[in-house]
C-alpha atoms as a PDB file:
ATOM      1  CA  UNK A   1      20.922  18.542  -3.404  1.00  0.00           C
ATOM      2  CA  UNK A   2      23.885  17.581  -5.572  1.00  0.00           C
ATOM      3  CA  UNK A   3      24.950  21.237  -5.657  1.00  0.00           C
ATOM      4  CA  UNK A   4      24.274  22.177  -2.036  1.00  0.00           C
ATOM      5  CA  UNK A   5      24.838  18.828  -0.261  1.00  0.00           C
ATOM      6  CA  UNK A   6      26.787  16.531  -2.570  1.00  0.00           C
ATOM      7  CA  UNK A   7      27.781  14.106   0.198  1.00  0.00           C
ATOM      8  CA  UNK A   8      24.167  13.691   1.321  1.00  0.00           C
ATOM      9  CA  UNK A   9      22.990  13.197  -2.273  1.00  0.00           C
ATOM     10  CA  UNK A  10      25.700  10.598  -2.842  1.00  0.00           C
ATOM     11  CA  UNK A  11      24.770   8.701   0.336  1.00  0.00           C
ATOM     12  CA  UNK A  12      21.112   8.656  -0.593  1.00  0.00           C
ATOM     13  CA  UNK A  13      21.765   7.440  -4.149  1.00  0.00           C
ATOM     14  CA  UNK A  14      24.220   4.778  -2.992  1.00  0.00           C
ATOM     15  CA  UNK A  15      21.826   3.433  -0.393  1.00  0.00           C
ATOM     16  CA  UNK A  16      18.572   3.487  -2.390  1.00  0.00           C
ATOM     17  CA  UNK A  17      19.898   2.621  -5.845  1.00  0.00           C
ATOM     18  CA  UNK A  18      22.809   0.474  -4.689  1.00  0.00           C
ATOM     19  CA  UNK A  19      22.273  -1.401  -1.437  1.00  0.00           C
ATOM     20  CA  UNK A  20      18.455  -1.524  -1.424  1.00  0.00           C
ATOM     21  CA  UNK A  21      18.124  -2.212  -5.153  1.00  0.00           C
ATOM     22  CA  UNK A  22      20.453  -5.224  -4.878  1.00  0.00           C
ATOM     23  CA  UNK A  23      18.472  -6.637  -1.949  1.00  0.00           C
ATOM     24  CA  UNK A  24      15.046  -6.542  -3.600  1.00  0.00           C
ATOM     25  CA  UNK A  25      12.870  -9.655  -3.439  1.00  0.00           C
ATOM     26  CA  UNK A  26       9.905  -7.997  -5.138  1.00  0.00           C
ATOM     27  CA  UNK A  27       9.708  -6.811  -8.744  1.00  0.00           C
ATOM     28  CA  UNK A  28      10.835  -3.308  -9.778  1.00  0.00           C
ATOM     29  CA  UNK A  29       7.202  -2.376 -10.460  1.00  0.00           C
ATOM     30  CA  UNK A  30       6.087  -3.628  -7.037  1.00  0.00           C
ATOM     31  CA  UNK A  31       8.959  -1.764  -5.396  1.00  0.00           C
ATOM     32  CA  UNK A  32       7.996   1.461  -7.157  1.00  0.00           C
ATOM     33  CA  UNK A  33       4.353   1.122  -6.073  1.00  0.00           C
ATOM     34  CA  UNK A  34       5.374   0.426  -2.476  1.00  0.00           C
ATOM     35  CA  UNK A  35       7.499   3.589  -2.490  1.00  0.00           C
ATOM     36  CA  UNK A  36       4.511   5.556  -3.814  1.00  0.00           C
ATOM     37  CA  UNK A  37       2.427   4.144  -0.960  1.00  0.00           C
ATOM     38  CA  UNK A  38       4.972   5.274   1.630  1.00  0.00           C
ATOM     39  CA  UNK A  39       5.444   8.746   0.148  1.00  0.00           C
ATOM     40  CA  UNK A  40       1.703   9.306  -0.211  1.00  0.00           C
ATOM     41  CA  UNK A  41       1.151   8.188   3.380  1.00  0.00           C
ATOM     42  CA  UNK A  42       3.859  10.563   4.622  1.00  0.00           C
ATOM     43  CA  UNK A  43       2.747  13.315   2.208  1.00  0.00           C
ATOM     44  CA  UNK A  44       6.291  13.716   0.873  1.00  0.00           C
ATOM     45  CA  UNK A  45       5.501  16.289  -1.792  1.00  0.00           C
ATOM     46  CA  UNK A  46       9.121  16.868  -2.784  1.00  0.00           C
ATOM     47  CA  UNK A  47       9.890  13.203  -3.445  1.00  0.00           C
ATOM     48  CA  UNK A  48       6.588  11.959  -4.877  1.00  0.00           C
ATOM     49  CA  UNK A  49       6.835  13.369  -8.431  1.00  0.00           C
ATOM     50  CA  UNK A  50      10.238  11.748  -8.869  1.00  0.00           C
ATOM     51  CA  UNK A  51       8.811   8.485  -7.531  1.00  0.00           C
ATOM     52  CA  UNK A  52       6.078   8.633 -10.185  1.00  0.00           C
ATOM     53  CA  UNK A  53       8.783   9.154 -12.821  1.00  0.00           C
ATOM     54  CA  UNK A  54      10.713   6.180 -11.462  1.00  0.00           C
ATOM     55  CA  UNK A  55       7.585   4.013 -11.428  1.00  0.00           C
ATOM     56  CA  UNK A  56       7.026   4.749 -15.105  1.00  0.00           C
ATOM     57  CA  UNK A  57      10.691   3.996 -15.833  1.00  0.00           C
ATOM     58  CA  UNK A  58      10.363   0.687 -13.944  1.00  0.00           C
ATOM     59  CA  UNK A  59       7.540  -0.344 -16.256  1.00  0.00           C
ATOM     60  CA  UNK A  60       4.491   0.514 -14.158  1.00  0.00           C
ATOM     61  CA  UNK A  61       1.512   1.654 -16.214  1.00  0.00           C
ATOM     62  CA  UNK A  62      -0.277   4.927 -15.479  1.00  0.00           C
ATOM     63  CA  UNK A  63      -3.269   2.884 -14.273  1.00  0.00           C
ATOM     64  CA  UNK A  64      -1.112   0.910 -11.833  1.00  0.00           C
ATOM     65  CA  UNK A  65       0.389   4.123 -10.480  1.00  0.00           C
ATOM     66  CA  UNK A  66      -2.986   5.801 -10.143  1.00  0.00           C
ATOM     67  CA  UNK A  67      -4.532   2.781  -8.429  1.00  0.00           C
ATOM     68  CA  UNK A  68      -1.615   2.581  -5.987  1.00  0.00           C
ATOM     69  CA  UNK A  69      -2.233   6.167  -4.876  1.00  0.00           C
ATOM     70  CA  UNK A  70      -6.033   5.864  -4.867  1.00  0.00           C
ATOM     71  CA  UNK A  71      -5.695   2.721  -2.758  1.00  0.00           C
ATOM     72  CA  UNK A  72      -4.090   4.602   0.129  1.00  0.00           C
ATOM     73  CA  UNK A  73      -7.063   6.938   0.626  1.00  0.00           C
ATOM     74  CA  UNK A  74      -8.966   4.910   3.275  1.00  0.00           C
ATOM     75  CA  UNK A  75      -5.821   4.663   5.380  1.00  0.00           C
ATOM     76  CA  UNK A  76      -4.631   8.281   5.350  1.00  0.00           C
ATOM     77  CA  UNK A  77      -7.640  10.308   4.176  1.00  0.00           C
ATOM     78  CA  UNK A  78      -8.389  12.503   1.185  1.00  0.00           C
ATOM     79  CA  UNK A  79      -6.348  15.406   2.576  1.00  0.00           C
ATOM     80  CA  UNK A  80      -3.151  13.430   1.941  1.00  0.00           C
ATOM     81  CA  UNK A  81      -4.056  11.560  -1.218  1.00  0.00           C
ATOM     82  CA  UNK A  82      -5.566  14.445  -3.203  1.00  0.00           C
ATOM     83  CA  UNK A  83      -2.251  16.373  -3.364  1.00  0.00           C
ATOM     84  CA  UNK A  84      -0.539  13.131  -4.401  1.00  0.00           C
ATOM     85  CA  UNK A  85      -3.075  12.642  -7.202  1.00  0.00           C
ATOM     86  CA  UNK A  86      -2.464  16.194  -8.431  1.00  0.00           C
ATOM     87  CA  UNK A  87       1.314  15.689  -8.435  1.00  0.00           C
ATOM     88  CA  UNK A  88       0.931  12.349 -10.208  1.00  0.00           C
ATOM     89  CA  UNK A  89      -1.201  13.954 -12.909  1.00  0.00           C
ATOM     90  CA  UNK A  90       1.396  16.671 -13.512  1.00  0.00           C
ATOM     91  CA  UNK A  91       3.958  13.966 -14.233  1.00  0.00           C
ATOM     92  CA  UNK A  92       1.491  12.184 -16.520  1.00  0.00           C
ATOM     93  CA  UNK A  93       0.896  15.405 -18.456  1.00  0.00           C
ATOM     94  CA  UNK A  94       4.625  15.833 -18.992  1.00  0.00           C
ATOM     95  CA  UNK A  95       4.692  12.324 -20.460  1.00  0.00           C
ATOM     96  CA  UNK A  96       1.710  12.983 -22.710  1.00  0.00           C
ATOM     97  CA  UNK A  97      -0.639  10.647 -20.830  1.00  0.00           C
ATOM     98  CA  UNK A  98      -4.237  11.459 -21.695  1.00  0.00           C
ATOM     99  CA  UNK A  99      -6.405  12.244 -18.667  1.00  0.00           C
ATOM    100  CA  UNK A 100      -8.676  11.097 -17.211  1.00  0.00           C
ATOM    101  CA  UNK A 101      -7.497   7.514 -17.273  1.00  0.00           C
ATOM    102  CA  UNK A 102      -9.980   4.704 -17.815  1.00  0.00           C
ATOM    103  CA  UNK A 103     -12.419   4.213 -14.928  1.00  0.00           C
ATOM    104  CA  UNK A 104     -11.708   1.168 -12.770  1.00  0.00           C
ATOM    105  CA  UNK A 105     -14.621   1.175 -10.325  1.00  0.00           C
ATOM    106  CA  UNK A 106     -16.782  -1.949 -10.173  1.00  0.00           C
ATOM    107  CA  UNK A 107     -19.541  -0.888  -7.769  1.00  0.00           C
ATOM    108  CA  UNK A 108     -22.557   1.425  -7.799  1.00  0.00           C
ATOM    109  CA  UNK A 109     -24.183   3.479  -5.061  1.00  0.00           C
ATOM    110  CA  UNK A 110     -26.761   0.710  -4.748  1.00  0.00           C
ATOM    111  CA  UNK A 111     -24.335  -2.191  -4.229  1.00  0.00           C
ATOM    112  CA  UNK A 112     -21.073  -0.781  -2.867  1.00  0.00           C
ATOM    113  CA  UNK A 113     -21.838  -1.831   0.714  1.00  0.00           C
ATOM    114  CA  UNK A 114     -22.962  -5.343  -0.213  1.00  0.00           C
ATOM    115  CA  UNK A 115     -19.995  -5.923  -2.538  1.00  0.00           C
ATOM    116  CA  UNK A 116     -17.568  -4.454  -0.025  1.00  0.00           C
ATOM    117  CA  UNK A 117     -18.854  -6.605   2.826  1.00  0.00           C
ATOM    118  CA  UNK A 118     -18.787  -9.691   0.598  1.00  0.00           C
ATOM    119  CA  UNK A 119     -15.172  -8.889  -0.305  1.00  0.00           C
ATOM    120  CA  UNK A 120     -14.254  -8.458   3.363  1.00  0.00           C
ATOM    121  CA  UNK A 121     -15.816 -11.687   4.545  1.00  0.00           C
ATOM    122  CA  UNK A 122     -14.580 -13.590   1.516  1.00  0.00           C
ATOM    123  CA  UNK A 123     -10.957 -12.563   2.093  1.00  0.00           C
ATOM    124  CA  UNK A 124     -10.758 -12.252   5.876  1.00  0.00           C
ATOM    125  CA  UNK A 125     -13.329 -14.782   7.060  1.00  0.00           C
ATOM    126  CA  UNK A 126     -15.428 -15.051  10.172  1.00  0.00           C
ATOM    127  CA  UNK A 127     -13.504 -12.410  12.116  1.00  0.00           C
ATOM    128  CA  UNK A 128     -15.235  -9.728  10.036  1.00  0.00           C
ATOM    129  CA  UNK A 129     -18.671 -11.061  10.986  1.00  0.00           C
ATOM    130  CA  UNK A 130     -17.559 -11.277  14.614  1.00  0.00           C
ATOM    131  CA  UNK A 131     -16.117  -7.757  14.559  1.00  0.00           C
ATOM    132  CA  UNK A 132     -19.342  -6.331  13.153  1.00  0.00           C
ATOM    133  CA  UNK A 133     -21.457  -8.273  15.661  1.00  0.00           C
ATOM    134  CA  UNK A 134     -19.393  -6.893  18.559  1.00  0.00           C
ATOM    135  CA  UNK A 135     -19.576  -3.273  17.374  1.00  0.00           C
ATOM    136  CA  UNK A 136     -21.858  -1.032  19.480  1.00  0.00           C
ATOM    137  CA  UNK A 137     -24.883   0.365  17.638  1.00  0.00           C
ATOM    138  CA  UNK A 138     -23.580   3.940  17.910  1.00  0.00           C
ATOM    139  CA  UNK A 139     -20.407   2.951  16.023  1.00  0.00           C
ATOM    140  CA  UNK A 140     -21.941   0.623  13.446  1.00  0.00           C
ATOM    141  CA  UNK A 141     -22.078   3.307  10.761  1.00  0.00           C
ATOM    142  CA  UNK A 142     -18.270   3.418  10.715  1.00  0.00           C
ATOM    143  CA  UNK A 143     -18.069  -0.345  10.179  1.00  0.00           C
ATOM    144  CA  UNK A 144     -20.568   0.091   7.347  1.00  0.00           C
ATOM    145  CA  UNK A 145     -18.409   2.877   5.908  1.00  0.00           C
ATOM    146  CA  UNK A 146     -15.341   0.627   6.119  1.00  0.00           C
ATOM    147  CA  UNK A 147     -17.144  -2.040   4.109  1.00  0.00           C
ATOM    148  CA  UNK A 148     -18.627   0.352   1.545  1.00  0.00           C
ATOM    149  CA  UNK A 149     -15.674   2.698   1.045  1.00  0.00           C
ATOM    150  CA  UNK A 150     -12.450   0.817   1.828  1.00  0.00           C
ATOM    151  CA  UNK A 151     -13.551  -2.507   0.390  1.00  0.00           C
ATOM    152  CA  UNK A 152     -16.457  -1.645  -1.914  1.00  0.00           C
ATOM    153  CA  UNK A 153     -15.094   1.500  -3.522  1.00  0.00           C
ATOM    154  CA  UNK A 154     -11.374   0.676  -3.321  1.00  0.00           C
ATOM    155  CA  UNK A 155     -10.465  -3.005  -3.005  1.00  0.00           C
ATOM    156  CA  UNK A 156     -12.866  -4.109  -5.754  1.00  0.00           C
ATOM    157  CA  UNK A 157     -11.377  -1.718  -8.304  1.00  0.00           C
ATOM    158  CA  UNK A 158      -9.617  -3.074 -11.367  1.00  0.00           C
ATOM    159  CA  UNK A 159      -5.943  -3.129 -12.466  1.00  0.00           C
ATOM    160  CA  UNK A 160      -4.441  -4.250  -9.143  1.00  0.00           C
ATOM    161  CA  UNK A 161      -5.179  -7.672  -7.674  1.00  0.00           C
ATOM    162  CA  UNK A 162      -5.821  -8.525  -4.046  1.00  0.00           C
ATOM    163  CA  UNK A 163      -2.218  -9.487  -3.300  1.00  0.00           C
ATOM    164  CA  UNK A 164      -0.927  -6.211  -4.779  1.00  0.00           C
ATOM    165  CA  UNK A 165      -3.453  -4.219  -2.771  1.00  0.00           C
ATOM    166  CA  UNK A 166      -2.434  -6.011   0.409  1.00  0.00           C
ATOM    167  CA  UNK A 167       1.188  -5.113  -0.354  1.00  0.00           C
ATOM    168  CA  UNK A 168       0.262  -1.447  -0.587  1.00  0.00           C
ATOM    169  CA  UNK A 169      -1.829  -1.655   2.572  1.00  0.00           C
ATOM    170  CA  UNK A 170       1.071  -3.246   4.470  1.00  0.00           C
ATOM    171  CA  UNK A 171       3.311  -0.388   3.286  1.00  0.00           C
ATOM    172  CA  UNK A 172       0.827   2.315   4.287  1.00  0.00           C
ATOM    173  CA  UNK A 173      -0.031   0.892   7.712  1.00  0.00           C
ATOM    174  CA  UNK A 174       3.611   0.080   8.407  1.00  0.00           C
ATOM    175  CA  UNK A 175       4.449   3.702   7.647  1.00  0.00           C
ATOM    176  CA  UNK A 176       1.692   4.816  10.027  1.00  0.00           C
ATOM    177  CA  UNK A 177       2.959   2.423  12.703  1.00  0.00           C
ATOM    178  CA  UNK A 178      -0.369   0.861  13.692  1.00  0.00           C
ATOM    179  CA  UNK A 179       0.587  -2.509  15.155  1.00  0.00           C
ATOM    180  CA  UNK A 180      -2.666  -4.487  15.199  1.00  0.00           C
ATOM    181  CA  UNK A 181      -3.593  -3.575  11.642  1.00  0.00           C
ATOM    182  CA  UNK A 182      -0.043  -4.070  10.382  1.00  0.00           C
ATOM    183  CA  UNK A 183      -0.034  -7.603  11.784  1.00  0.00           C
ATOM    184  CA  UNK A 184      -3.488  -8.265  10.336  1.00  0.00           C
ATOM    185  CA  UNK A 185      -2.501  -7.169   6.839  1.00  0.00           C
ATOM    186  CA  UNK A 186       0.821  -9.020   6.859  1.00  0.00           C
ATOM    187  CA  UNK A 187      -1.275 -12.104   7.610  1.00  0.00           C
ATOM    188  CA  UNK A 188      -3.675 -11.043   4.872  1.00  0.00           C
ATOM    189  CA  UNK A 189      -0.824 -10.694   2.410  1.00  0.00           C
ATOM    190  CA  UNK A 190       0.478 -14.164   3.276  1.00  0.00           C
ATOM    191  CA  UNK A 191      -3.041 -15.555   2.879  1.00  0.00           C
ATOM    192  CA  UNK A 192      -3.206 -13.892  -0.543  1.00  0.00           C
ATOM    193  CA  UNK A 193      -0.247 -15.995  -1.674  1.00  0.00           C
ATOM    194  CA  UNK A 194       2.713 -13.769  -0.849  1.00  0.00           C
ATOM    195  CA  UNK A 195       5.942 -15.359   0.320  1.00  0.00           C
ATOM    196  CA  UNK A 196       7.950 -14.465   3.393  1.00  0.00           C
ATOM    197  CA  UNK A 197      10.593 -13.054   1.053  1.00  0.00           C
ATOM    198  CA  UNK A 198       8.052 -10.747  -0.588  1.00  0.00           C
ATOM    199  CA  UNK A 199       6.954  -9.359   2.779  1.00  0.00           C
ATOM    200  CA  UNK A 200      10.599  -8.696   3.646  1.00  0.00           C
ATOM    201  CA  UNK A 201      10.993  -7.101   0.205  1.00  0.00           C
ATOM    202  CA  UNK A 202       8.270  -4.596   1.008  1.00  0.00           C
ATOM    203  CA  UNK A 203       9.873  -3.716   4.335  1.00  0.00           C
ATOM    204  CA  UNK A 204      13.254  -3.398   2.612  1.00  0.00           C
ATOM    205  CA  UNK A 205      11.819  -1.051  -0.029  1.00  0.00           C
ATOM    206  CA  UNK A 206      10.290   1.074   2.744  1.00  0.00           C
ATOM    207  CA  UNK A 207      13.458   1.311   4.830  1.00  0.00           C
ATOM    208  CA  UNK A 208      15.120   4.363   3.189  1.00  0.00           C
ATOM    209  CA  UNK A 209      11.922   6.368   3.649  1.00  0.00           C
ATOM    210  CA  UNK A 210      10.886   5.349   7.188  1.00  0.00           C
ATOM    211  CA  UNK A 211      14.226   4.666   8.913  1.00  0.00           C
ATOM    212  CA  UNK A 212      15.588   1.773  10.938  1.00  0.00           C
ATOM    213  CA  UNK A 213      13.513   2.018  14.148  1.00  0.00           C
ATOM    214  CA  UNK A 214      10.299   1.604  12.130  1.00  0.00           C
ATOM    215  CA  UNK A 215      11.938  -1.043   9.925  1.00  0.00           C
ATOM    216  CA  UNK A 216      13.038  -3.163  12.898  1.00  0.00           C
ATOM    217  CA  UNK A 217       9.572  -2.811  14.451  1.00  0.00           C
ATOM    218  CA  UNK A 218       7.975  -4.084  11.231  1.00  0.00           C
ATOM    219  CA  UNK A 219      10.432  -6.980  11.040  1.00  0.00           C
ATOM    220  CA  UNK A 220       9.598  -8.040  14.587  1.00  0.00           C
ATOM    221  CA  UNK A 221       5.871  -8.184  13.820  1.00  0.00           C
ATOM    222  CA  UNK A 222       6.374  -9.828  10.432  1.00  0.00           C
ATOM    223  CA  UNK A 223       8.576 -12.537  11.960  1.00  0.00           C
ATOM    224  CA  UNK A 224       5.801 -13.308  14.436  1.00  0.00           C
ATOM    225  CA  UNK A 225       3.380 -13.670  11.514  1.00  0.00           C
ATOM    226  CA  UNK A 226       5.782 -15.999   9.699  1.00  0.00           C
ATOM    227  CA  UNK A 227       6.181 -18.166  12.783  1.00  0.00           C
ATOM    228  CA  UNK A 228       2.433 -18.385  13.330  1.00  0.00           C
ATOM    229  CA  UNK A 229       1.856 -19.290   9.682  1.00  0.00           C
ATOM    230  CA  UNK A 230       4.454 -22.062   9.844  1.00  0.00           C
ATOM    231  CA  UNK A 231       2.936 -23.453  13.039  1.00  0.00           C
ATOM    232  CA  UNK A 232      -0.506 -23.458  11.446  1.00  0.00           C
ATOM    233  CA  UNK A 233       0.840 -25.398   8.459  1.00  0.00           C
ATOM    234  CA  UNK A 234       2.455 -27.969  10.737  1.00  0.00           C
ATOM    235  CA  UNK A 235      -0.801 -28.713  12.557  1.00  0.00           C
END
């Protein structure tokens, strides 16, 4: 791009590495993982290898990078995350990282559903029980799959904590533009101990890759979550 479109390359560098970098309210590692979440969700094959390089340069470990990409799978599907995993591994090979990395799973085939459901209800409360109770019998298998796969297989994995995983989920669902789930996971991130500034930091890190219409939409929903949280504290 610097050879064919030097003005465009200069604008991009100035905005991402100048303006956005100065405005960050999350750590460089968190920012790099959020960017990986967005690029994996959008399947940006051209940008993702460089983002892996930048995550390593920011101080993220190979396990953190791998877990960030694995984590997105329930939200976008294997068809989008498998190419991202392959690209990530090519970068790791260039850096001499021995593959496969250490396993981080904490469940078995026998307990993944039970552990996943326990994680869901423990973190998100009675609304999970209510949601499952209101699900028609012909759809119940998908709620079971959500518990076993998204929460049993993914959320209980090691390396990344609950707050970090909520950050990545907020980035992925914000990129997808799914309002109800975006609101739910912003609330989940706040409940996990994140500050208002950290939520805004995630949205800021996403902005160069999703554009201003999506950014302003996310801000509107996030501000509603902040207001509701403050009202709940005041009661």
